[in-house]
Amino acid sequence: MQHAADVIALVSPQFEIGYISPGIEPLVGISPASCVGLHIRDVLGVDAAEDIVRAYDTLSLSDYVACEWHLTN
């Protein structure tokens, strides 16, 4: 996954990043290691974070939620 163009992240119920793949750095200019522990809004911006929170609220009917967003910089 190190050279994947896709970004995969593990995010807590509080929307803090626990893991994010290396593909994030070309998109937002922040290394994956620097993203860990940050709230998604601090990495992806307010608009994307609000979309993700809305989707989570809608989709959290199980213990596992998978979502996909197309981010551009």
C-alpha atoms as a PDB file:
ATOM      1  CA  MET A   1       0.000   0.000   0.000  1.00  0.00           C
ATOM      2  CA  GLN A   2       2.991   2.296   0.288  1.00  0.00           C
ATOM      3  CA  HIS A   3       2.737   3.464  -3.345  1.00  0.00           C
ATOM      4  CA  ALA A   4      -1.050   3.475  -3.671  1.00  0.00           C
ATOM      5  CA  ALA A   5      -2.706   6.627  -4.969  1.00  0.00           C
ATOM      6  CA  ASP A   6      -5.727   5.894  -2.794  1.00  0.00           C
ATOM      7  CA  VAL A   7      -5.848   7.040   0.795  1.00  0.00           C
ATOM      8  CA  ILE A   8      -6.986   4.571   3.407  1.00  0.00           C
ATOM      9  CA  ALA A   9      -7.552   5.698   6.974  1.00  0.00           C
ATOM     10  CA  LEU A  10      -8.641   4.217  10.264  1.00  0.00           C
ATOM     11  CA  VAL A  11     -10.603   6.826  12.169  1.00  0.00           C
ATOM     12  CA  SER A  12     -11.941   6.600  15.723  1.00  0.00           C
ATOM     13  CA  PRO A  13     -15.587   7.323  16.610  1.00  0.00           C
ATOM     14  CA  GLN A  14     -14.302  10.757  17.709  1.00  0.00           C
ATOM     15  CA  PHE A  15     -12.901  11.219  14.149  1.00  0.00           C
ATOM     16  CA  GLU A  16      -9.271  11.088  15.222  1.00  0.00           C
ATOM     17  CA  ILE A  17      -6.918   9.429  12.760  1.00  0.00           C
ATOM     18  CA  GLY A  18      -5.313   6.241  14.039  1.00  0.00           C
ATOM     19  CA  TYR A  19      -3.719   5.295  10.726  1.00  0.00           C
ATOM     20  CA  ILE A  20      -3.565   6.887   7.297  1.00  0.00           C
ATOM     21  CA  SER A  21      -1.786   5.566   4.237  1.00  0.00           C
ATOM     22  CA  PRO A  22       1.128   7.333   2.526  1.00  0.00           C
ATOM     23  CA  GLY A  23      -1.136   8.532  -0.304  1.00  0.00           C
ATOM     24  CA  ILE A  24      -2.304  11.380   1.940  1.00  0.00           C
ATOM     25  CA  GLU A  25       0.948  13.325   1.689  1.00  0.00           C
ATOM     26  CA  PRO A  26       0.692  14.320  -2.002  1.00  0.00           C
ATOM     27  CA  LEU A  27      -2.926  15.398  -1.447  1.00  0.00           C
ATOM     28  CA  VAL A  28      -2.558  17.561   1.640  1.00  0.00           C
ATOM     29  CA  GLY A  29       1.192  17.992   2.126  1.00  0.00           C
ATOM     30  CA  ILE A  30       1.202  16.335   5.555  1.00  0.00           C
ATOM     31  CA  SER A  31       3.102  13.118   6.262  1.00  0.00           C
ATOM     32  CA  PRO A  32       1.062  10.112   7.423  1.00  0.00           C
ATOM     33  CA  ALA A  33       2.913  10.052  10.752  1.00  0.00           C
ATOM     34  CA  SER A  34       2.005  13.693  11.362  1.00  0.00           C
ATOM     35  CA  CYS A  35      -1.669  12.945  10.699  1.00  0.00           C
ATOM     36  CA  VAL A  36      -1.967  10.288  13.415  1.00  0.00           C
ATOM     37  CA  GLY A  37      -3.880  11.665  16.381  1.00  0.00           C
ATOM     38  CA  LEU A  38      -5.300  14.612  14.444  1.00  0.00           C
ATOM     39  CA  HIS A  39      -9.012  15.168  13.882  1.00  0.00           C
ATOM     40  CA  ILE A  40      -9.993  14.575  10.263  1.00  0.00           C
ATOM     41  CA  ARG A  41     -10.944  18.248   9.839  1.00  0.00           C
ATOM     42  CA  ASP A  42      -7.326  19.196  10.606  1.00  0.00           C
ATOM     43  CA  VAL A  43      -6.140  17.066   7.691  1.00  0.00           C
ATOM     44  CA  LEU A  44      -8.975  17.139   5.152  1.00  0.00           C
ATOM     45  CA  GLY A  45     -10.569  20.484   5.933  1.00  0.00           C
ATOM     46  CA  VAL A  46     -13.905  21.462   7.437  1.00  0.00           C
ATOM     47  CA  ASP A  47     -16.100  20.660   4.426  1.00  0.00           C
ATOM     48  CA  ALA A  48     -14.785  17.116   3.967  1.00  0.00           C
ATOM     49  CA  ALA A  49     -14.937  16.494   7.719  1.00  0.00           C
ATOM     50  CA  GLU A  50     -18.578  17.602   7.872  1.00  0.00           C
ATOM     51  CA  ASP A  51     -19.422  15.253   4.988  1.00  0.00           C
ATOM     52  CA  ILE A  52     -17.678  12.366   6.734  1.00  0.00           C
ATOM     53  CA  VAL A  53     -19.437  13.066  10.048  1.00  0.00           C
ATOM     54  CA  ARG A  54     -22.822  13.170   8.265  1.00  0.00           C
ATOM     55  CA  ALA A  55     -22.081   9.909   6.494  1.00  0.00           C
ATOM     56  CA  TYR A  56     -20.942   8.282   9.732  1.00  0.00           C
ATOM     57  CA  ASP A  57     -24.125   9.384  11.505  1.00  0.00           C
ATOM     58  CA  THR A  58     -26.175   7.890   8.681  1.00  0.00           C
ATOM     59  CA  LEU A  59     -24.207   4.680   8.255  1.00  0.00           C
ATOM     60  CA  SER A  60     -23.289   3.749  11.824  1.00  0.00           C
ATOM     61  CA  LEU A  61     -25.827   0.947  12.072  1.00  0.00           C
ATOM     62  CA  SER A  62     -23.058  -1.623  12.564  1.00  0.00           C
ATOM     63  CA  ASP A  63     -19.628  -1.820  14.145  1.00  0.00           C
ATOM     64  CA  TYR A  64     -17.919  -1.381  10.771  1.00  0.00           C
ATOM     65  CA  VAL A  65     -18.366   1.587   8.456  1.00  0.00           C
ATOM     66  CA  ALA A  66     -16.682   1.902   5.077  1.00  0.00           C
ATOM     67  CA  CYS A  67     -16.944   5.142   3.133  1.00  0.00           C
ATOM     68  CA  GLU A  68     -15.328   6.529   0.025  1.00  0.00           C
ATOM     69  CA  TRP A  69     -14.608  10.128  -0.898  1.00  0.00           C
ATOM     70  CA  HIS A  70     -12.808  11.552  -3.897  1.00  0.00           C
ATOM     71  CA  LEU A  71     -10.489  14.316  -2.756  1.00  0.00           C
ATOM     72  CA  THR A  72      -8.695  16.696  -5.050  1.00  0.00           C
ATOM     73  CA  ASN A  73      -6.149  19.337  -4.232  1.00  0.00           C
END
